[in-house]
Amino acid sequence: MLYFAYQCQDDLMEPIRAAAAGALDYWGDWARAGGLPGSRRMAAQWEMVSRMRMSHHRPDYGITAVTTGNREATVTEEATFSTPFGTLLRFRKDVDIVQPKVLLVAPLSGHFATLLRATVRTLLADHDVYITDWHNARDVPVSAGRFGFEDYVEHVIRFLEVLGPGANVIAVCQPCVQVLAATAIMAEDDNPATPKTMTLMAGPVDTRINPTKVNELATSKPIRWFEDTLLASVPARHRGGGRRVYPGFIQLMAFMTMNMERHVKQHQALYDHLARGETAEAEAIKTFYDEYFAVLDLPAEFYIETVDFVFQRALLAKGELTFRGRTVNPKAIRRTALLTVEGERDDICALGQTVAAHDLCSSLRPFLKRHHMQAGVGHYGVFSGRKWEGQIYPNVRNMILANA
């Protein structure tokens, strides 16, 4: 009923959005030019109403060129390997030089992997970049089967095997746990595709340390409450009709609630910029929210198991996580260099939760371990923005270069 109610509301709003968009198309230029007193504000209102929706489709990465060395290289997207739940996507550059391969593992937490667009763009200058481009669960047929926590770990292993020996892995936020688990399993098996370096950025390796509001929410209710309250079945109109999911629109509302005052102010600012004809300022806000409002549904099994394994019971940190019946043993990691990155003001994954990986990887010699705490950034500043580009990324690049 939860998804059905959302779909009905969205359907009811569609004629209103369409009318506003139609008015903007027909009268927009005249209104913005100040055809009548107050017409610019009218055009701003039409645009605000036309934007009152979420998208359930992946936005474009929009990366068509990147400067590498002393030249600009053309970038094309190449699907290297796919399963029903995700695609290993390569950003191929038209360059002749061989650069270190990097698998960028994106979170599966309600947004598409395009949330890491800025991360990809920065990495591309010096690396051959691949990303885990996760699919929206509402578009995955029930016949494709389940996708749980262990399936995510298995995908990371398979993707690294496709890249082959000598690759590097970077995990952002949620998948730090799965990437650490995958690397431990590969190391224990002497898998030739075990990554040379592992960078864990702002991830919940040990959520018992310095708990945030996110951690407290995840532990405030029994796991059965999450199953009964937050899961829904995909409506029959979609390809994944009947699949049980954690809807992306619920995750979005949860994120917005944490900073509702900021989002209200941003939308007021957007309206004011549109009404004043401040195009550049308005576009910056629209670009952010076009991405932010593009939501992805999570497979129900993955969501519930992540809440249970990572946030409620901290199984990896306690040495109790298993993979296909085997205990995950981070001590098996002996040759994969480790870099952890945390943001001083991160209110999603607090200081101490990611650096905990160093204690778990106790067999690594000290020269193979590094930690970077970035002052003055919150969660998103760890992997995007000026401080990511100017202060965090050099540490990531140097770690990969030093272990090439």
Protein backbone atom coordinates (compact mmCIF):
# COMPACT_ATOMS: atom_id res chain seq x y z
CA MET A 1 0.00 0.00 0.00
CA LEU A 2 2.89 2.37 0.71
CA TYR A 3 4.21 2.37 -2.85
CA PHE A 4 0.68 2.40 -4.27
CA ALA A 5 -0.18 5.52 -2.24
CA TYR A 6 2.97 7.27 -3.45
CA GLN A 7 2.23 6.32 -7.06
CA CYS A 8 -1.35 7.58 -6.81
CA GLN A 9 -0.23 10.91 -5.41
CA ASP A 10 2.39 11.25 -8.13
CA ASP A 11 -0.23 10.46 -10.79
CA LEU A 12 -2.63 13.05 -9.35
CA MET A 13 0.09 15.72 -9.45
CA GLU A 14 1.11 14.98 -13.03
CA PRO A 15 -1.64 17.08 -14.74
CA ILE A 16 -0.75 20.04 -12.51
CA ARG A 17 2.94 19.73 -13.32
CA ALA A 18 2.15 19.33 -17.01
CA ALA A 19 -0.04 22.45 -17.01
CA ALA A 20 2.70 24.47 -15.33
CA ALA A 21 5.31 23.15 -17.78
CA GLY A 22 3.01 23.95 -20.69
CA ALA A 23 2.46 27.50 -19.48
CA LEU A 24 6.22 27.90 -19.07
CA ASP A 25 6.89 26.65 -22.59
CA TYR A 26 4.25 28.90 -24.15
CA TRP A 27 4.53 32.06 -22.08
CA GLY A 28 7.90 31.61 -20.36
CA ASP A 29 10.09 33.84 -22.55
CA TRP A 30 7.52 36.63 -22.54
CA ALA A 31 7.00 36.37 -18.77
CA ARG A 32 10.73 36.32 -18.01
CA ALA A 33 11.19 39.39 -20.15
CA GLY A 34 8.79 41.27 -17.86
CA GLY A 35 5.78 41.31 -20.15
CA LEU A 36 3.57 42.47 -17.26
CA PRO A 37 4.22 43.52 -13.67
CA GLY A 38 4.89 40.37 -11.67
CA SER A 39 5.20 38.15 -14.76
CA ARG A 40 8.72 37.04 -13.82
CA ARG A 41 7.44 35.77 -10.50
CA MET A 42 4.62 34.02 -12.32
CA ALA A 43 7.16 32.27 -14.56
CA ALA A 44 9.17 31.33 -11.46
CA GLN A 45 6.04 29.82 -9.90
CA TRP A 46 5.31 27.80 -13.04
CA GLU A 47 8.83 26.43 -13.03
CA MET A 48 8.76 25.57 -9.33
CA VAL A 49 5.47 23.67 -9.76
CA SER A 50 6.74 21.84 -12.86
CA ARG A 51 9.75 20.64 -10.84
CA MET A 52 7.68 19.17 -7.99
CA ARG A 53 8.54 15.55 -8.65
CA MET A 54 11.06 12.79 -8.12
CA SER A 55 12.78 10.96 -10.95
CA HIS A 56 13.30 7.20 -10.91
CA HIS A 57 15.74 7.12 -13.82
CA ARG A 58 19.51 7.46 -13.69
CA PRO A 59 20.70 10.93 -14.72
CA ASP A 60 23.52 11.23 -17.23
CA TYR A 61 27.07 11.31 -15.93
CA GLY A 62 27.72 14.10 -18.39
CA ILE A 63 31.47 13.43 -18.57
CA THR A 64 32.47 13.74 -22.21
CA ALA A 65 36.06 14.99 -21.89
CA VAL A 66 38.79 15.27 -19.29
CA THR A 67 42.23 16.85 -19.19
CA THR A 68 44.89 14.21 -18.75
CA GLY A 69 48.55 15.10 -18.98
CA ASN A 70 48.82 18.02 -21.36
CA ARG A 71 45.84 17.22 -23.57
CA GLU A 72 42.08 16.91 -23.47
CA ALA A 73 40.85 13.35 -23.90
CA THR A 74 37.41 12.33 -25.10
CA VAL A 75 35.50 10.16 -22.63
CA THR A 76 32.93 7.52 -23.59
CA GLU A 77 30.92 5.22 -21.34
CA GLU A 78 31.39 1.50 -21.87
CA ALA A 79 29.37 -1.25 -20.18
CA THR A 80 32.07 -3.82 -19.41
CA PHE A 81 30.03 -6.39 -17.49
CA SER A 82 26.42 -6.53 -16.35
CA THR A 83 24.07 -8.45 -14.10
CA PRO A 84 20.37 -7.77 -13.50
CA PHE A 85 21.32 -5.62 -10.51
CA GLY A 86 24.31 -3.63 -11.70
CA THR A 87 26.66 -2.72 -14.51
CA LEU A 88 30.43 -2.39 -14.37
CA LEU A 89 30.72 0.87 -16.26
CA ARG A 90 34.03 2.08 -17.68
CA PHE A 91 34.83 5.68 -18.58
CA ARG A 92 37.06 4.98 -21.54
CA LYS A 93 39.47 7.73 -22.60
CA ASP A 94 41.05 8.05 -26.04
CA VAL A 95 44.61 7.97 -24.70
CA ASP A 96 47.48 5.62 -25.48
CA ILE A 97 49.09 5.67 -22.03
CA VAL A 98 48.41 2.91 -19.51
CA GLN A 99 47.01 4.27 -16.25
CA PRO A 100 46.17 2.46 -12.98
CA LYS A 101 42.78 0.80 -12.99
CA VAL A 102 40.37 1.98 -10.30
CA LEU A 103 37.04 0.43 -9.33
CA LEU A 104 34.90 3.10 -7.68
CA VAL A 105 32.26 1.33 -5.58
CA ALA A 106 29.16 3.48 -5.21
CA PRO A 107 26.67 3.25 -2.36
CA LEU A 108 23.33 1.51 -2.85
CA SER A 109 21.41 3.84 -0.58
CA GLY A 110 18.59 5.52 -2.44
CA HIS A 111 20.50 7.51 -5.07
CA PHE A 112 22.12 6.50 -8.34
CA ALA A 113 25.87 6.14 -8.76
CA THR A 114 25.85 9.46 -10.62
CA LEU A 115 26.01 11.02 -7.16
CA LEU A 116 29.76 10.30 -7.52
CA ARG A 117 30.04 12.20 -10.80
CA ALA A 118 32.53 14.69 -9.33
CA THR A 119 34.57 11.86 -7.84
CA VAL A 120 34.79 10.15 -11.23
CA ARG A 121 35.74 13.36 -13.02
CA THR A 122 38.63 14.01 -10.64
CA LEU A 123 39.92 10.42 -10.74
CA LEU A 124 39.85 10.32 -14.55
CA ALA A 125 42.82 12.66 -14.94
CA ASP A 126 45.24 10.01 -13.67
CA HIS A 127 43.36 6.70 -13.73
CA ASP A 128 41.41 4.21 -15.83
CA VAL A 129 38.10 4.50 -13.97
CA TYR A 130 35.28 1.97 -13.59
CA ILE A 131 32.17 2.40 -11.42
CA THR A 132 29.51 0.11 -9.96
CA ASP A 133 26.46 1.49 -11.74
CA TRP A 134 23.68 -0.03 -9.63
CA HIS A 135 20.26 -0.58 -11.20
CA ASN A 136 16.97 0.63 -9.77
CA ALA A 137 15.39 -2.40 -8.06
CA ARG A 138 11.92 -1.37 -9.23
CA ASP A 139 13.09 -2.13 -12.77
CA VAL A 140 14.54 -5.58 -11.97
CA PRO A 141 12.07 -8.43 -12.64
CA VAL A 142 11.23 -10.73 -9.74
CA SER A 143 12.56 -13.59 -11.87
CA ALA A 144 16.10 -12.20 -11.41
CA GLY A 145 16.00 -13.43 -7.80
CA ARG A 146 17.12 -11.80 -4.57
CA PHE A 147 19.94 -9.35 -3.99
CA GLY A 148 21.23 -9.24 -0.44
CA PHE A 149 24.32 -8.14 1.43
CA GLU A 150 26.36 -11.16 0.31
CA ASP A 151 25.31 -10.60 -3.30
CA TYR A 152 26.73 -7.08 -3.11
CA VAL A 153 30.03 -8.48 -1.81
CA GLU A 154 30.00 -11.06 -4.59
CA HIS A 155 29.45 -8.33 -7.18
CA VAL A 156 32.49 -6.42 -5.90
CA ILE A 157 34.62 -9.57 -6.18
CA ARG A 158 33.32 -10.31 -9.68
CA PHE A 159 33.87 -6.75 -10.87
CA LEU A 160 37.45 -6.79 -9.56
CA GLU A 161 38.04 -10.07 -11.36
CA VAL A 162 36.84 -8.47 -14.60
CA LEU A 163 39.37 -5.65 -14.08
CA GLY A 164 42.06 -8.24 -13.43
CA PRO A 165 45.30 -8.18 -11.40
CA GLY A 166 46.75 -4.84 -10.36
CA ALA A 167 43.50 -2.90 -9.94
CA ASN A 168 42.69 -0.56 -7.08
CA VAL A 169 39.37 -0.16 -5.26
CA ILE A 170 37.77 2.93 -3.74
CA ALA A 171 34.59 2.66 -1.65
CA VAL A 172 32.48 5.67 -0.80
CA CYS A 173 30.24 5.58 2.29
CA GLN A 174 28.01 2.53 2.77
CA PRO A 175 30.01 -0.02 0.70
CA CYS A 176 33.18 0.40 2.77
CA VAL A 177 32.01 -2.63 4.76
CA GLN A 178 31.32 -4.76 1.69
CA VAL A 179 34.58 -3.74 -0.01
CA LEU A 180 36.60 -4.58 3.09
CA ALA A 181 34.80 -7.93 3.28
CA ALA A 182 35.37 -8.65 -0.42
CA THR A 183 39.07 -7.79 -0.17
CA ALA A 184 39.46 -10.02 2.88
CA ILE A 185 37.81 -12.97 1.10
CA MET A 186 39.95 -12.44 -2.02
CA ALA A 187 43.13 -12.16 0.05
CA GLU A 188 42.35 -15.35 1.95
CA ASP A 189 41.74 -17.16 -1.35
CA ASP A 190 44.95 -15.76 -2.92
CA ASN A 191 42.75 -14.40 -5.70
CA PRO A 192 45.06 -12.82 -8.32
CA ALA A 193 42.56 -9.96 -8.72
CA THR A 194 42.88 -8.91 -5.06
CA PRO A 195 43.22 -5.10 -5.24
CA LYS A 196 46.62 -3.49 -4.77
CA THR A 197 45.15 -0.62 -2.77
CA MET A 198 41.87 -0.15 -0.91
CA THR A 199 40.60 3.34 -0.12
CA LEU A 200 37.67 3.56 2.29
CA MET A 201 35.98 6.96 2.38
CA ALA A 202 33.47 7.99 5.07
CA GLY A 203 32.13 4.48 5.60
CA PRO A 204 30.42 2.74 8.56
CA VAL A 205 33.08 0.15 9.35
CA ASP A 206 32.27 0.33 13.07
CA THR A 207 29.04 2.19 13.84
CA ARG A 208 29.47 1.69 17.58
CA ILE A 209 32.03 4.51 17.54
CA ASN A 210 30.73 8.07 17.90
CA PRO A 211 27.15 7.24 16.78
CA THR A 212 25.32 9.76 14.56
CA LYS A 213 21.59 10.37 14.16
CA VAL A 214 21.65 7.90 11.28
CA ASN A 215 23.16 5.23 13.53
CA GLU A 216 20.71 6.00 16.34
CA LEU A 217 17.73 5.74 13.97
CA ALA A 218 18.95 2.36 12.74
CA THR A 219 19.20 1.02 16.29
CA SER A 220 16.07 2.65 17.71
CA LYS A 221 13.71 -0.05 16.45
CA PRO A 222 13.88 -3.85 16.17
CA ILE A 223 14.66 -5.18 12.71
CA ARG A 224 11.08 -6.43 12.38
CA TRP A 225 9.86 -2.81 12.57
CA PHE A 226 11.93 -1.91 9.50
CA GLU A 227 10.52 -4.92 7.64
CA ASP A 228 6.91 -4.13 8.52
CA THR A 229 7.04 -0.33 8.19
CA LEU A 230 9.50 0.63 5.46
CA LEU A 231 9.31 -2.10 2.84
CA ALA A 232 6.83 -2.08 -0.05
CA SER A 233 5.97 -3.98 -3.21
CA VAL A 234 6.67 -2.38 -6.58
CA PRO A 235 3.43 -1.60 -8.50
CA ALA A 236 2.65 -3.90 -11.42
CA ARG A 237 3.16 -1.14 -14.02
CA HIS A 238 6.97 -1.30 -13.56
CA ARG A 239 9.33 -4.01 -14.80
CA GLY A 240 10.02 -5.06 -11.23
CA GLY A 241 6.33 -5.32 -10.38
CA GLY A 242 5.85 -7.39 -7.23
CA ARG A 243 9.45 -7.10 -6.03
CA ARG A 244 9.83 -6.10 -2.39
CA VAL A 245 11.93 -2.96 -2.04
CA TYR A 246 12.95 -0.20 0.29
CA PRO A 247 11.62 2.72 -1.80
CA GLY A 248 14.06 5.46 -2.69
CA PHE A 249 11.44 8.12 -1.96
CA ILE A 250 11.43 7.05 1.72
CA GLN A 251 15.20 7.34 1.92
CA LEU A 252 15.05 10.76 0.28
CA MET A 253 12.46 11.99 2.77
CA ALA A 254 14.60 10.69 5.64
CA PHE A 255 17.65 12.57 4.33
CA MET A 256 15.64 15.75 3.80
CA THR A 257 14.17 15.59 7.29
CA MET A 258 17.67 15.69 8.74
CA ASN A 259 18.28 19.08 7.09
CA MET A 260 14.78 20.32 6.26
CA GLU A 261 15.49 23.97 7.09
CA ARG A 262 18.40 24.01 4.63
CA HIS A 263 16.29 22.48 1.83
CA VAL A 264 13.46 24.99 2.40
CA LYS A 265 15.94 27.86 2.22
CA GLN A 266 17.47 26.48 -0.95
CA HIS A 267 14.10 26.26 -2.67
CA GLN A 268 13.20 29.77 -1.57
CA ALA A 269 16.54 30.90 -2.99
CA LEU A 270 15.79 29.06 -6.25
CA TYR A 271 12.46 30.85 -6.57
CA ASP A 272 14.10 34.22 -5.89
CA HIS A 273 16.86 33.59 -8.46
CA LEU A 274 14.29 32.57 -11.09
CA ALA A 275 12.13 35.60 -10.35
CA ARG A 276 15.12 37.93 -10.67
CA GLY A 277 16.41 36.28 -13.83
CA GLU A 278 19.62 35.11 -12.13
CA THR A 279 20.11 32.16 -14.46
CA ALA A 280 23.54 30.93 -13.34
CA GLU A 281 22.60 30.91 -9.65
CA ALA A 282 19.31 29.14 -10.39
CA GLU A 283 21.00 26.51 -12.56
CA ALA A 284 23.45 25.60 -9.79
CA ILE A 285 20.58 24.83 -7.41
CA LYS A 286 18.54 23.03 -10.08
CA THR A 287 21.51 20.84 -11.02
CA PHE A 288 21.96 19.76 -7.41
CA TYR A 289 18.29 18.91 -6.88
CA ASP A 290 17.92 17.17 -10.25
CA GLU A 291 20.48 14.70 -8.91
CA TYR A 292 19.16 14.70 -5.35
CA PHE A 293 15.59 13.97 -6.42
CA ALA A 294 16.62 11.08 -8.71
CA VAL A 295 15.84 8.16 -6.41
CA LEU A 296 16.63 4.47 -6.62
CA ASP A 297 14.76 1.65 -4.89
CA LEU A 298 16.84 -0.86 -2.92
CA PRO A 299 16.16 -4.60 -2.92
CA ALA A 300 14.42 -5.36 0.36
CA GLU A 301 16.91 -8.07 1.33
CA PHE A 302 19.89 -5.78 0.88
CA TYR A 303 18.34 -2.96 2.90
CA ILE A 304 17.26 -5.14 5.83
CA GLU A 305 20.55 -7.05 5.97
CA THR A 306 22.55 -3.83 5.83
CA VAL A 307 20.59 -2.32 8.72
CA ASP A 308 20.99 -5.57 10.66
CA PHE A 309 24.61 -6.51 9.85
CA VAL A 310 26.21 -3.05 9.69
CA PHE A 311 24.18 -0.71 11.89
CA GLN A 312 22.47 -2.85 14.49
CA ARG A 313 24.99 -5.63 15.12
CA ALA A 314 28.27 -4.25 13.63
CA LEU A 315 29.18 -7.79 12.61
CA LEU A 316 32.37 -6.94 10.69
CA ALA A 317 33.78 -4.86 13.54
CA LYS A 318 33.04 -7.67 16.01
CA GLY A 319 34.57 -10.37 13.81
CA GLU A 320 31.21 -12.08 13.29
CA LEU A 321 30.42 -11.27 9.64
CA THR A 322 30.15 -14.26 7.33
CA PHE A 323 30.15 -14.65 3.54
CA ARG A 324 28.66 -17.78 2.01
CA GLY A 325 29.17 -19.61 5.29
CA ARG A 326 32.76 -18.38 5.85
CA THR A 327 33.85 -15.97 8.54
CA VAL A 328 35.20 -12.76 7.01
CA ASN A 329 38.76 -12.31 8.28
CA PRO A 330 40.32 -8.86 7.58
CA LYS A 331 43.57 -10.16 9.12
CA ALA A 332 44.02 -12.11 5.87
CA ILE A 333 44.74 -8.81 4.09
CA ARG A 334 48.54 -8.60 3.96
CA ARG A 335 49.47 -6.94 0.66
CA THR A 336 46.60 -4.55 -0.12
CA ALA A 337 47.58 -1.04 1.00
CA LEU A 338 44.87 0.72 3.04
CA LEU A 339 43.87 4.38 3.02
CA THR A 340 40.96 5.64 5.12
CA VAL A 341 39.41 9.09 4.76
CA GLU A 342 37.04 10.86 7.15
CA GLY A 343 35.44 14.31 7.25
CA GLU A 344 35.63 16.44 10.38
CA ARG A 345 31.97 17.52 10.16
CA ASP A 346 30.48 14.30 8.83
CA ASP A 347 27.07 13.85 10.47
CA ILE A 348 26.28 10.62 8.59
CA CYS A 349 29.46 8.63 9.19
CA ALA A 350 31.27 10.19 12.14
CA LEU A 351 34.96 10.39 12.95
CA GLY A 352 36.35 7.06 14.07
CA GLN A 353 33.94 4.81 12.20
CA THR A 354 36.07 4.43 9.06
CA VAL A 355 39.55 4.52 10.59
CA ALA A 356 38.44 1.47 12.59
CA ALA A 357 39.43 -0.54 9.50
CA HIS A 358 43.08 -0.16 10.50
CA ASP A 359 42.59 -2.21 13.65
CA LEU A 360 40.72 -4.88 11.71
CA CYS A 361 43.48 -5.14 9.10
CA SER A 362 46.04 -5.95 11.78
CA SER A 363 48.33 -8.00 9.51
CA LEU A 364 49.15 -5.00 7.33
CA ARG A 365 52.56 -3.50 7.97
CA PRO A 366 52.50 0.15 9.09
CA PHE A 367 53.88 1.51 5.81
CA LEU A 368 50.85 0.04 4.01
CA LYS A 369 48.40 2.01 6.16
CA ARG A 370 47.44 5.67 5.92
CA HIS A 371 44.63 7.79 7.31
CA HIS A 372 43.47 11.25 6.28
CA MET A 373 41.08 13.37 8.33
CA GLN A 374 39.86 16.30 6.27
CA ALA A 375 39.12 19.42 8.28
CA GLY A 376 36.08 21.52 7.48
CA VAL A 377 34.03 19.07 5.40
CA GLY A 378 30.84 17.11 5.97
CA HIS A 379 29.89 13.82 4.42
CA TYR A 380 29.60 14.93 0.78
CA GLY A 381 32.71 17.08 1.02
CA VAL A 382 34.78 13.93 1.44
CA PHE A 383 34.22 12.92 -2.20
CA SER A 384 33.18 16.12 -3.99
CA GLY A 385 34.03 19.80 -3.99
CA ARG A 386 37.20 21.85 -3.71
CA LYS A 387 38.68 20.11 -0.68
CA TRP A 388 38.15 16.71 -2.27
CA GLU A 389 39.96 17.87 -5.40
CA GLY A 390 42.72 19.86 -3.73
CA GLN A 391 43.44 18.08 -0.44
CA ILE A 392 41.86 14.60 -0.32
CA TYR A 393 42.40 13.39 -3.88
CA PRO A 394 46.20 13.91 -3.80
CA ASN A 395 46.33 11.41 -0.92
CA VAL A 396 44.28 8.89 -2.92
CA ARG A 397 46.42 9.38 -6.04
CA ASN A 398 49.67 9.10 -4.09
CA MET A 399 48.56 5.91 -2.36
CA ILE A 400 47.80 4.28 -5.72
CA LEU A 401 51.03 5.60 -7.28
CA ALA A 402 53.16 4.41 -4.37
CA ASN A 403 51.82 0.87 -4.75
CA ALA A 404 51.80 0.65 -8.54
